[in-house]
Amino acid sequence: MTMTDNDPQFEYSEFSGEFIDDDVTVILRIYRPAGTNHDWVLKVCDEEGNTTVWNYPFDTDREAFEEFLATVQRDGIRSFLDEPVQKLY
């Protein structure tokens, strides 16, 4: 598969990357379309490729990251290892 001019390009937040807690690693992606001021999407992928995506975008990348941290504190990092879900926050 090759990228074309029609493929979407994304700007990733500096908060994106690997996150490790309780011996579990997830990949945190906070992104928006490149070159825009659109809201930020929050997505978490586990080691098995399961993905959790929040239904609603965030005004800032920091708000998205803080929501991720609050979810880890409230539900635990292992909550991302379950079946993929759409978060309703």
N, C-alpha and C. Protein backbone atom coordinates (compact mmCIF):
# COMPACT_ATOMS: atom_id res chain seq x y z
N MET A 1 0.85 -1.17 0.00
CA MET A 1 0.00 0.00 0.00
C MET A 1 0.90 1.23 0.00
N THR A 2 0.60 2.18 -0.85
CA THR A 2 1.38 3.41 -0.92
C THR A 2 0.51 4.57 -0.51
N MET A 3 1.16 5.58 0.04
CA MET A 3 0.43 6.78 0.43
C MET A 3 0.21 7.65 -0.80
N THR A 4 -0.96 8.26 -0.86
CA THR A 4 -1.27 9.18 -1.93
C THR A 4 -1.55 10.55 -1.34
N ASP A 5 -1.75 11.51 -2.20
CA ASP A 5 -2.08 12.85 -1.72
C ASP A 5 -3.43 12.88 -1.02
N ASN A 6 -4.26 11.86 -1.25
CA ASN A 6 -5.58 11.82 -0.63
C ASN A 6 -5.57 11.19 0.76
N ASP A 7 -4.46 10.55 1.14
CA ASP A 7 -4.38 9.94 2.47
C ASP A 7 -4.29 11.04 3.52
N PRO A 8 -5.04 10.90 4.61
CA PRO A 8 -5.01 11.95 5.63
C PRO A 8 -3.64 12.00 6.33
N GLN A 9 -3.21 13.18 6.64
CA GLN A 9 -1.98 13.40 7.38
C GLN A 9 -2.38 13.89 8.77
N PHE A 10 -1.65 13.44 9.79
CA PHE A 10 -2.00 13.80 11.15
C PHE A 10 -0.84 14.47 11.85
N GLU A 11 -1.20 15.34 12.77
CA GLU A 11 -0.26 15.97 13.68
C GLU A 11 -0.43 15.25 15.02
N TYR A 12 0.66 14.69 15.54
CA TYR A 12 0.60 13.96 16.81
C TYR A 12 1.09 14.85 17.94
N SER A 13 0.41 14.78 19.05
CA SER A 13 0.78 15.54 20.24
C SER A 13 2.08 15.01 20.83
N GLU A 14 2.79 15.88 21.51
CA GLU A 14 4.00 15.45 22.24
C GLU A 14 3.65 14.49 23.38
N PHE A 15 2.38 14.42 23.75
CA PHE A 15 1.94 13.49 24.80
C PHE A 15 1.77 12.07 24.27
N SER A 16 1.80 11.89 22.96
CA SER A 16 1.66 10.56 22.36
C SER A 16 2.91 9.73 22.64
N GLY A 17 2.73 8.41 22.70
CA GLY A 17 3.87 7.52 22.87
C GLY A 17 3.51 6.31 23.72
N GLU A 18 4.52 5.57 24.11
CA GLU A 18 4.31 4.40 24.97
C GLU A 18 4.03 4.85 26.39
N PHE A 19 3.13 4.12 27.03
CA PHE A 19 2.80 4.37 28.43
C PHE A 19 2.83 3.03 29.13
N ILE A 20 3.62 2.92 30.19
CA ILE A 20 3.78 1.66 30.91
C ILE A 20 3.34 1.85 32.36
N ASP A 21 2.49 0.94 32.82
CA ASP A 21 2.02 0.95 34.20
C ASP A 21 1.65 -0.47 34.57
N ASP A 22 2.00 -0.91 35.76
CA ASP A 22 1.62 -2.24 36.26
C ASP A 22 2.03 -3.33 35.26
N ASP A 23 3.24 -3.19 34.69
CA ASP A 23 3.79 -4.15 33.72
C ASP A 23 2.95 -4.28 32.44
N VAL A 24 2.13 -3.28 32.15
CA VAL A 24 1.33 -3.27 30.93
C VAL A 24 1.78 -2.06 30.09
N THR A 25 1.98 -2.29 28.80
CA THR A 25 2.37 -1.22 27.88
C THR A 25 1.23 -0.96 26.91
N VAL A 26 0.87 0.30 26.77
CA VAL A 26 -0.10 0.71 25.76
C VAL A 26 0.53 1.82 24.93
N ILE A 27 0.00 2.01 23.74
CA ILE A 27 0.44 3.09 22.87
C ILE A 27 -0.64 4.16 22.89
N LEU A 28 -0.25 5.32 23.33
CA LEU A 28 -1.16 6.45 23.43
C LEU A 28 -1.00 7.31 22.18
N ARG A 29 -2.12 7.59 21.51
CA ARG A 29 -2.11 8.45 20.33
C ARG A 29 -3.09 9.59 20.56
N ILE A 30 -2.56 10.79 20.53
CA ILE A 30 -3.37 12.00 20.60
C ILE A 30 -3.04 12.76 19.33
N TYR A 31 -4.05 12.97 18.48
CA TYR A 31 -3.75 13.52 17.15
C TYR A 31 -4.93 14.31 16.61
N ARG A 32 -4.64 15.06 15.55
CA ARG A 32 -5.65 15.80 14.79
C ARG A 32 -5.15 15.94 13.36
N PRO A 33 -6.03 16.32 12.43
CA PRO A 33 -5.57 16.50 11.06
C PRO A 33 -4.46 17.55 11.00
N ALA A 34 -3.42 17.25 10.26
CA ALA A 34 -2.27 18.16 10.16
C ALA A 34 -2.69 19.49 9.55
N GLY A 35 -2.09 20.55 10.06
CA GLY A 35 -2.31 21.88 9.51
C GLY A 35 -3.66 22.48 9.87
N THR A 36 -4.32 21.93 10.89
CA THR A 36 -5.63 22.45 11.29
C THR A 36 -5.61 22.85 12.76
N ASN A 37 -6.67 23.48 13.18
CA ASN A 37 -6.88 23.77 14.59
C ASN A 37 -8.03 22.94 15.13
N HIS A 38 -8.29 21.79 14.48
CA HIS A 38 -9.37 20.90 14.92
C HIS A 38 -9.07 20.35 16.30
N ASP A 39 -10.11 19.79 16.93
CA ASP A 39 -9.96 19.18 18.24
C ASP A 39 -9.10 17.92 18.13
N TRP A 40 -8.64 17.45 19.29
CA TRP A 40 -7.72 16.32 19.38
C TRP A 40 -8.47 15.02 19.64
N VAL A 41 -8.08 13.95 18.96
CA VAL A 41 -8.64 12.61 19.14
C VAL A 41 -7.73 11.85 20.10
N LEU A 42 -8.34 11.07 21.00
CA LEU A 42 -7.60 10.25 21.95
C LEU A 42 -7.84 8.79 21.63
N LYS A 43 -6.74 8.06 21.39
CA LYS A 43 -6.82 6.64 21.06
C LYS A 43 -5.72 5.90 21.81
N VAL A 44 -6.08 4.73 22.36
CA VAL A 44 -5.13 3.89 23.08
C VAL A 44 -5.14 2.50 22.44
N CYS A 45 -3.95 2.00 22.11
CA CYS A 45 -3.80 0.65 21.52
C CYS A 45 -3.03 -0.23 22.50
N ASP A 46 -3.51 -1.45 22.69
CA ASP A 46 -2.77 -2.38 23.55
C ASP A 46 -1.81 -3.22 22.72
N GLU A 47 -1.08 -4.10 23.38
CA GLU A 47 -0.06 -4.90 22.71
C GLU A 47 -0.66 -5.90 21.73
N GLU A 48 -1.95 -6.21 21.87
CA GLU A 48 -2.62 -7.16 20.98
C GLU A 48 -3.24 -6.47 19.78
N GLY A 49 -3.16 -5.14 19.74
CA GLY A 49 -3.74 -4.40 18.63
C GLY A 49 -5.16 -3.93 18.87
N ASN A 50 -5.71 -4.22 20.06
CA ASN A 50 -7.04 -3.70 20.39
C ASN A 50 -6.95 -2.19 20.58
N THR A 51 -7.99 -1.49 20.18
CA THR A 51 -7.98 -0.04 20.23
C THR A 51 -9.17 0.49 21.03
N THR A 52 -8.90 1.46 21.87
CA THR A 52 -9.94 2.18 22.59
C THR A 52 -9.91 3.62 22.11
N VAL A 53 -11.06 4.12 21.65
CA VAL A 53 -11.15 5.48 21.14
C VAL A 53 -12.25 6.21 21.89
N TRP A 54 -11.99 7.42 22.32
CA TRP A 54 -12.99 8.24 22.97
C TRP A 54 -13.94 8.78 21.91
N ASN A 55 -15.22 8.82 22.22
CA ASN A 55 -16.24 9.28 21.27
C ASN A 55 -16.13 10.76 20.96
N TYR A 56 -15.68 11.54 21.89
CA TYR A 56 -15.68 12.98 21.73
C TYR A 56 -14.25 13.51 21.71
N PRO A 57 -13.94 14.41 20.80
CA PRO A 57 -12.60 14.98 20.75
C PRO A 57 -12.40 15.98 21.89
N PHE A 58 -11.16 16.39 22.08
CA PHE A 58 -10.78 17.29 23.15
C PHE A 58 -10.29 18.61 22.57
N ASP A 59 -10.54 19.70 23.30
CA ASP A 59 -10.12 21.03 22.84
C ASP A 59 -8.61 21.14 22.73
N THR A 60 -7.91 20.50 23.68
CA THR A 60 -6.45 20.58 23.68
C THR A 60 -5.86 19.18 23.85
N ASP A 61 -4.63 19.03 23.43
CA ASP A 61 -3.96 17.75 23.62
C ASP A 61 -3.73 17.46 25.10
N ARG A 62 -3.52 18.50 25.88
CA ARG A 62 -3.34 18.32 27.33
C ARG A 62 -4.61 17.76 27.97
N GLU A 63 -5.78 18.25 27.56
CA GLU A 63 -7.04 17.73 28.10
C GLU A 63 -7.19 16.24 27.76
N ALA A 64 -6.81 15.86 26.55
CA ALA A 64 -6.88 14.45 26.15
C ALA A 64 -5.95 13.61 27.02
N PHE A 65 -4.73 14.09 27.23
CA PHE A 65 -3.77 13.36 28.05
C PHE A 65 -4.25 13.24 29.49
N GLU A 66 -4.81 14.32 30.03
CA GLU A 66 -5.32 14.28 31.41
C GLU A 66 -6.49 13.30 31.54
N GLU A 67 -7.32 13.19 30.50
CA GLU A 67 -8.41 12.21 30.52
C GLU A 67 -7.85 10.79 30.51
N PHE A 68 -6.82 10.57 29.71
CA PHE A 68 -6.18 9.26 29.70
C PHE A 68 -5.65 8.92 31.10
N LEU A 69 -4.92 9.85 31.71
CA LEU A 69 -4.38 9.61 33.05
C LEU A 69 -5.48 9.36 34.07
N ALA A 70 -6.58 10.12 33.99
CA ALA A 70 -7.70 9.94 34.92
C ALA A 70 -8.33 8.56 34.73
N THR A 71 -8.42 8.10 33.49
CA THR A 71 -8.97 6.77 33.22
C THR A 71 -8.08 5.69 33.80
N VAL A 72 -6.77 5.83 33.64
CA VAL A 72 -5.83 4.86 34.21
C VAL A 72 -5.95 4.85 35.73
N GLN A 73 -6.06 6.03 36.33
CA GLN A 73 -6.17 6.08 37.79
C GLN A 73 -7.50 5.48 38.26
N ARG A 74 -8.57 5.77 37.56
CA ARG A 74 -9.90 5.31 37.97
C ARG A 74 -10.13 3.83 37.66
N ASP A 75 -9.77 3.40 36.43
CA ASP A 75 -10.11 2.05 35.97
C ASP A 75 -8.92 1.10 35.90
N GLY A 76 -7.71 1.65 35.97
CA GLY A 76 -6.51 0.83 35.86
C GLY A 76 -6.09 0.67 34.41
N ILE A 77 -4.79 0.49 34.22
CA ILE A 77 -4.24 0.33 32.87
C ILE A 77 -4.79 -0.92 32.20
N ARG A 78 -5.11 -1.93 33.00
CA ARG A 78 -5.60 -3.19 32.43
C ARG A 78 -6.98 -3.05 31.80
N SER A 79 -7.67 -1.96 32.09
CA SER A 79 -8.97 -1.74 31.46
C SER A 79 -8.85 -1.61 29.95
N PHE A 80 -7.66 -1.28 29.45
CA PHE A 80 -7.44 -1.16 28.01
C PHE A 80 -7.15 -2.52 27.37
N LEU A 81 -6.99 -3.55 28.18
CA LEU A 81 -6.69 -4.88 27.65
C LEU A 81 -7.95 -5.66 27.34
N ASP A 82 -9.09 -5.16 27.77
CA ASP A 82 -10.35 -5.81 27.49
C ASP A 82 -10.71 -5.61 26.02
N GLU A 83 -11.88 -6.03 25.65
CA GLU A 83 -12.35 -5.82 24.29
C GLU A 83 -12.31 -4.33 23.97
N PRO A 84 -12.03 -3.97 22.73
CA PRO A 84 -12.01 -2.57 22.35
C PRO A 84 -13.35 -1.92 22.63
N VAL A 85 -13.30 -0.71 23.12
CA VAL A 85 -14.53 0.01 23.45
C VAL A 85 -14.43 1.45 23.00
N GLN A 86 -15.58 2.07 22.91
CA GLN A 86 -15.63 3.50 22.67
C GLN A 86 -15.95 4.15 24.01
N LYS A 87 -15.08 5.02 24.46
CA LYS A 87 -15.31 5.70 25.73
C LYS A 87 -16.33 6.81 25.52
N LEU A 88 -17.23 6.93 26.44
CA LEU A 88 -18.32 7.89 26.30
C LEU A 88 -18.08 9.15 27.12
N TYR A 89 -16.86 9.59 27.22
CA TYR A 89 -16.54 10.77 28.03
C TYR A 89 -16.62 12.02 27.19
